[in-house]
Amino acid sequence: MVLEIAHLTIRPGQNAAFEQAFTQAQRIIASMPGYLSHELGLCLERPQDYVLLVRWATLEDHEIGFRQSAQYQEWKKLLHHFYDPFPSVVHFEPVALPPVA
């Protein structure tokens, strides 16, 4: 499992429109091979900031399967004009830790 974390900063006054567009866009990402789940969070201290967490089966499912798909073009059309600056996106994998005693 890979966790994609995207920090999204939305243009001032665009939160409602962004959230409405995201409601539509989330159907796109949820339909992609390797998609496991996602959540969108709003920052309490900076209400123009969101975090998007997406769980993928593999890194390639996101980087190749999604980002190189025709569906990604629709995702971009729906969402990318809301961002300022463009989001930073990083990926994490679980770390095996010993159980808590």
N, C-alpha and C. Protein backbone atom coordinates (compact mmCIF):
# COMPACT_ATOMS: atom_id res chain seq x y z
N MET A 1 0.85 -1.18 0.00
CA MET A 1 0.00 0.00 0.00
C MET A 1 0.88 1.23 0.00
N VAL A 2 0.47 2.23 -0.75
CA VAL A 2 1.17 3.50 -0.83
C VAL A 2 0.18 4.60 -0.47
N LEU A 3 0.62 5.54 0.36
CA LEU A 3 -0.20 6.67 0.74
C LEU A 3 0.31 7.91 0.02
N GLU A 4 -0.53 8.47 -0.82
CA GLU A 4 -0.24 9.74 -1.50
C GLU A 4 -0.75 10.86 -0.60
N ILE A 5 0.09 11.86 -0.35
CA ILE A 5 -0.33 13.02 0.43
C ILE A 5 -0.11 14.26 -0.44
N ALA A 6 -1.21 14.97 -0.70
CA ALA A 6 -1.14 16.18 -1.51
C ALA A 6 -1.61 17.36 -0.66
N HIS A 7 -0.74 18.37 -0.54
CA HIS A 7 -1.10 19.60 0.16
C HIS A 7 -1.66 20.57 -0.88
N LEU A 8 -2.93 20.92 -0.70
CA LEU A 8 -3.63 21.76 -1.67
C LEU A 8 -3.92 23.13 -1.06
N THR A 9 -3.47 24.18 -1.71
CA THR A 9 -3.82 25.54 -1.30
C THR A 9 -4.74 26.10 -2.38
N ILE A 10 -5.92 26.52 -1.95
CA ILE A 10 -6.98 26.96 -2.85
C ILE A 10 -6.98 28.49 -2.93
N ARG A 11 -7.24 29.00 -4.10
CA ARG A 11 -7.33 30.45 -4.29
C ARG A 11 -8.39 31.04 -3.35
N PRO A 12 -8.14 32.23 -2.81
CA PRO A 12 -9.09 32.85 -1.88
C PRO A 12 -10.51 32.91 -2.44
N GLY A 13 -11.46 32.58 -1.57
CA GLY A 13 -12.86 32.65 -1.94
C GLY A 13 -13.37 31.49 -2.79
N GLN A 14 -12.52 30.49 -3.02
CA GLN A 14 -12.88 29.40 -3.92
C GLN A 14 -13.20 28.07 -3.22
N ASN A 15 -13.25 28.07 -1.89
CA ASN A 15 -13.45 26.81 -1.17
C ASN A 15 -14.72 26.08 -1.59
N ALA A 16 -15.84 26.77 -1.61
CA ALA A 16 -17.11 26.11 -1.94
C ALA A 16 -17.08 25.54 -3.36
N ALA A 17 -16.57 26.31 -4.30
CA ALA A 17 -16.48 25.84 -5.68
C ALA A 17 -15.53 24.67 -5.80
N PHE A 18 -14.39 24.73 -5.08
CA PHE A 18 -13.44 23.62 -5.09
C PHE A 18 -14.10 22.36 -4.54
N GLU A 19 -14.77 22.47 -3.41
CA GLU A 19 -15.39 21.29 -2.80
C GLU A 19 -16.47 20.70 -3.71
N GLN A 20 -17.20 21.55 -4.39
CA GLN A 20 -18.20 21.06 -5.33
C GLN A 20 -17.53 20.32 -6.49
N ALA A 21 -16.46 20.89 -7.03
CA ALA A 21 -15.73 20.24 -8.13
C ALA A 21 -15.09 18.94 -7.65
N PHE A 22 -14.59 18.94 -6.41
CA PHE A 22 -13.96 17.73 -5.89
C PHE A 22 -14.99 16.60 -5.73
N THR A 23 -16.22 16.95 -5.37
CA THR A 23 -17.28 15.94 -5.27
C THR A 23 -17.43 15.19 -6.59
N GLN A 24 -17.31 15.90 -7.67
CA GLN A 24 -17.37 15.28 -8.99
C GLN A 24 -16.07 14.54 -9.31
N ALA A 25 -14.94 15.16 -9.03
CA ALA A 25 -13.63 14.59 -9.38
C ALA A 25 -13.33 13.31 -8.61
N GLN A 26 -13.83 13.20 -7.38
CA GLN A 26 -13.50 12.01 -6.60
C GLN A 26 -14.03 10.73 -7.24
N ARG A 27 -15.07 10.84 -8.03
CA ARG A 27 -15.57 9.67 -8.75
C ARG A 27 -14.55 9.17 -9.76
N ILE A 28 -13.80 10.10 -10.33
CA ILE A 28 -12.78 9.73 -11.31
C ILE A 28 -11.69 8.91 -10.64
N ILE A 29 -11.13 9.45 -9.56
CA ILE A 29 -10.01 8.77 -8.91
C ILE A 29 -10.45 7.43 -8.33
N ALA A 30 -11.67 7.37 -7.81
CA ALA A 30 -12.16 6.14 -7.20
C ALA A 30 -12.37 5.02 -8.23
N SER A 31 -12.46 5.39 -9.49
CA SER A 31 -12.68 4.39 -10.54
C SER A 31 -11.37 3.81 -11.09
N MET A 32 -10.24 4.32 -10.65
CA MET A 32 -8.95 3.93 -11.23
C MET A 32 -8.45 2.60 -10.67
N PRO A 33 -7.81 1.78 -11.53
CA PRO A 33 -7.21 0.54 -11.03
C PRO A 33 -6.16 0.85 -9.96
N GLY A 34 -6.16 0.07 -8.89
CA GLY A 34 -5.19 0.26 -7.82
C GLY A 34 -5.63 1.24 -6.75
N TYR A 35 -6.71 1.97 -6.99
CA TYR A 35 -7.25 2.88 -5.98
C TYR A 35 -7.81 2.07 -4.82
N LEU A 36 -7.49 2.50 -3.59
CA LEU A 36 -8.02 1.83 -2.40
C LEU A 36 -8.99 2.72 -1.62
N SER A 37 -8.61 3.97 -1.36
CA SER A 37 -9.48 4.88 -0.62
C SER A 37 -8.91 6.29 -0.68
N HIS A 38 -9.71 7.26 -0.25
CA HIS A 38 -9.21 8.64 -0.16
C HIS A 38 -9.99 9.39 0.90
N GLU A 39 -9.41 10.50 1.34
CA GLU A 39 -10.11 11.46 2.19
C GLU A 39 -9.55 12.84 1.93
N LEU A 40 -10.41 13.82 2.09
CA LEU A 40 -10.04 15.22 1.92
C LEU A 40 -10.25 15.91 3.25
N GLY A 41 -9.23 16.60 3.74
CA GLY A 41 -9.33 17.31 5.01
C GLY A 41 -9.09 18.79 4.82
N LEU A 42 -9.81 19.59 5.60
CA LEU A 42 -9.69 21.05 5.59
C LEU A 42 -8.89 21.47 6.82
N CYS A 43 -7.90 22.32 6.62
CA CYS A 43 -7.06 22.80 7.72
C CYS A 43 -7.84 23.77 8.60
N LEU A 44 -7.80 23.55 9.90
CA LEU A 44 -8.51 24.43 10.82
C LEU A 44 -7.82 25.78 10.98
N GLU A 45 -6.49 25.80 10.93
CA GLU A 45 -5.76 27.05 11.13
C GLU A 45 -5.66 27.89 9.86
N ARG A 46 -5.65 27.26 8.70
CA ARG A 46 -5.53 27.96 7.42
C ARG A 46 -6.63 27.43 6.49
N PRO A 47 -7.81 28.05 6.51
CA PRO A 47 -8.96 27.49 5.80
C PRO A 47 -8.84 27.47 4.27
N GLN A 48 -7.76 27.98 3.73
CA GLN A 48 -7.54 27.85 2.28
C GLN A 48 -6.75 26.58 1.96
N ASP A 49 -6.29 25.87 3.00
CA ASP A 49 -5.46 24.67 2.82
C ASP A 49 -6.25 23.39 3.07
N TYR A 50 -6.02 22.44 2.20
CA TYR A 50 -6.60 21.10 2.31
C TYR A 50 -5.46 20.09 2.23
N VAL A 51 -5.75 18.89 2.71
CA VAL A 51 -4.85 17.77 2.48
C VAL A 51 -5.69 16.67 1.84
N LEU A 52 -5.15 16.09 0.77
CA LEU A 52 -5.79 14.97 0.10
C LEU A 52 -4.93 13.74 0.37
N LEU A 53 -5.53 12.73 0.97
CA LEU A 53 -4.87 11.46 1.25
C LEU A 53 -5.49 10.41 0.34
N VAL A 54 -4.66 9.76 -0.46
CA VAL A 54 -5.16 8.71 -1.35
C VAL A 54 -4.31 7.47 -1.13
N ARG A 55 -4.97 6.36 -0.91
CA ARG A 55 -4.28 5.08 -0.75
C ARG A 55 -4.37 4.33 -2.07
N TRP A 56 -3.19 3.93 -2.53
CA TRP A 56 -3.05 3.18 -3.78
C TRP A 56 -2.42 1.83 -3.47
N ALA A 57 -2.70 0.84 -4.29
CA ALA A 57 -2.07 -0.47 -4.12
C ALA A 57 -0.56 -0.36 -4.36
N THR A 58 -0.16 0.40 -5.40
CA THR A 58 1.26 0.58 -5.72
C THR A 58 1.51 2.02 -6.15
N LEU A 59 2.76 2.44 -6.12
CA LEU A 59 3.15 3.77 -6.59
C LEU A 59 2.81 3.91 -8.07
N GLU A 60 3.03 2.86 -8.84
CA GLU A 60 2.76 2.90 -10.27
C GLU A 60 1.28 3.12 -10.57
N ASP A 61 0.40 2.61 -9.69
CA ASP A 61 -1.03 2.84 -9.90
C ASP A 61 -1.35 4.33 -9.93
N HIS A 62 -0.62 5.12 -9.11
CA HIS A 62 -0.84 6.56 -9.12
C HIS A 62 -0.05 7.23 -10.23
N GLU A 63 1.26 7.01 -10.23
CA GLU A 63 2.15 7.75 -11.13
C GLU A 63 1.93 7.41 -12.61
N ILE A 64 1.62 6.18 -12.90
CA ILE A 64 1.45 5.77 -14.30
C ILE A 64 -0.03 5.55 -14.62
N GLY A 65 -0.66 4.65 -13.85
CA GLY A 65 -2.05 4.30 -14.13
C GLY A 65 -3.00 5.47 -14.11
N PHE A 66 -2.85 6.35 -13.12
CA PHE A 66 -3.74 7.52 -13.03
C PHE A 66 -3.19 8.70 -13.79
N ARG A 67 -1.97 9.10 -13.48
CA ARG A 67 -1.46 10.35 -14.07
C ARG A 67 -1.25 10.30 -15.57
N GLN A 68 -1.14 9.12 -16.13
CA GLN A 68 -0.97 9.01 -17.57
C GLN A 68 -2.26 8.58 -18.27
N SER A 69 -3.38 8.67 -17.56
CA SER A 69 -4.65 8.23 -18.12
C SER A 69 -5.44 9.39 -18.72
N ALA A 70 -6.40 9.03 -19.55
CA ALA A 70 -7.32 10.04 -20.09
C ALA A 70 -8.16 10.65 -18.96
N GLN A 71 -8.46 9.84 -17.94
CA GLN A 71 -9.26 10.33 -16.82
C GLN A 71 -8.53 11.45 -16.06
N TYR A 72 -7.20 11.39 -16.03
CA TYR A 72 -6.44 12.43 -15.34
C TYR A 72 -6.64 13.79 -16.02
N GLN A 73 -6.84 13.80 -17.31
CA GLN A 73 -7.09 15.06 -18.02
C GLN A 73 -8.39 15.70 -17.53
N GLU A 74 -9.40 14.88 -17.26
CA GLU A 74 -10.66 15.39 -16.73
C GLU A 74 -10.47 15.88 -15.30
N TRP A 75 -9.69 15.13 -14.49
CA TRP A 75 -9.35 15.54 -13.11
C TRP A 75 -8.70 16.91 -13.13
N LYS A 76 -7.71 17.09 -14.00
CA LYS A 76 -7.02 18.38 -14.12
C LYS A 76 -7.99 19.50 -14.49
N LYS A 77 -8.85 19.22 -15.44
CA LYS A 77 -9.82 20.22 -15.90
C LYS A 77 -10.75 20.65 -14.77
N LEU A 78 -11.14 19.71 -13.92
CA LEU A 78 -12.04 20.01 -12.82
C LEU A 78 -11.37 20.77 -11.68
N LEU A 79 -10.08 20.46 -11.39
CA LEU A 79 -9.48 20.91 -10.14
C LEU A 79 -8.28 21.84 -10.25
N HIS A 80 -7.45 21.71 -11.25
CA HIS A 80 -6.16 22.38 -11.22
C HIS A 80 -6.24 23.90 -11.22
N HIS A 81 -7.29 24.48 -11.72
CA HIS A 81 -7.40 25.94 -11.74
C HIS A 81 -7.67 26.53 -10.35
N PHE A 82 -7.98 25.70 -9.37
CA PHE A 82 -8.22 26.18 -8.01
C PHE A 82 -6.93 26.38 -7.21
N TYR A 83 -5.83 25.77 -7.63
CA TYR A 83 -4.61 25.71 -6.82
C TYR A 83 -3.72 26.93 -7.02
N ASP A 84 -3.20 27.44 -5.90
CA ASP A 84 -2.19 28.51 -5.93
C ASP A 84 -1.41 28.48 -4.61
N PRO A 85 -0.22 27.93 -4.65
CA PRO A 85 0.54 27.37 -5.77
C PRO A 85 0.09 25.95 -6.11
N PHE A 86 0.74 25.37 -7.12
CA PHE A 86 0.42 24.00 -7.49
C PHE A 86 0.80 23.08 -6.33
N PRO A 87 0.01 22.05 -6.06
CA PRO A 87 0.23 21.19 -4.89
C PRO A 87 1.55 20.44 -4.91
N SER A 88 2.07 20.23 -3.70
CA SER A 88 3.17 19.29 -3.54
C SER A 88 2.55 17.94 -3.25
N VAL A 89 3.10 16.89 -3.86
CA VAL A 89 2.59 15.54 -3.71
C VAL A 89 3.76 14.64 -3.35
N VAL A 90 3.58 13.87 -2.27
CA VAL A 90 4.60 12.90 -1.83
C VAL A 90 3.91 11.57 -1.55
N HIS A 91 4.71 10.52 -1.54
CA HIS A 91 4.19 9.17 -1.34
C HIS A 91 4.92 8.51 -0.17
N PHE A 92 4.17 7.74 0.61
CA PHE A 92 4.72 7.04 1.77
C PHE A 92 4.31 5.58 1.72
N GLU A 93 5.16 4.74 2.30
CA GLU A 93 4.81 3.34 2.48
C GLU A 93 4.85 3.01 3.97
N PRO A 94 4.09 2.03 4.41
CA PRO A 94 4.07 1.69 5.83
C PRO A 94 5.44 1.22 6.32
N VAL A 95 5.70 1.49 7.57
CA VAL A 95 6.92 1.03 8.24
C VAL A 95 6.50 -0.07 9.22
N ALA A 96 7.17 -1.20 9.15
CA ALA A 96 6.87 -2.30 10.07
C ALA A 96 7.51 -2.01 11.41
N LEU A 97 6.68 -1.80 12.41
CA LEU A 97 7.16 -1.53 13.77
C LEU A 97 6.74 -2.68 14.68
N PRO A 98 7.52 -2.92 15.73
CA PRO A 98 7.12 -3.96 16.68
C PRO A 98 5.85 -3.52 17.42
N PRO A 99 5.05 -4.49 17.85
CA PRO A 99 3.82 -4.13 18.56
C PRO A 99 4.12 -3.40 19.86
N VAL A 100 3.18 -2.57 20.27
CA VAL A 100 3.29 -1.84 21.53
C VAL A 100 3.04 -2.83 22.67
N ALA A 101 3.93 -2.82 23.66
CA ALA A 101 3.80 -3.77 24.77
C ALA A 101 2.74 -3.34 25.74
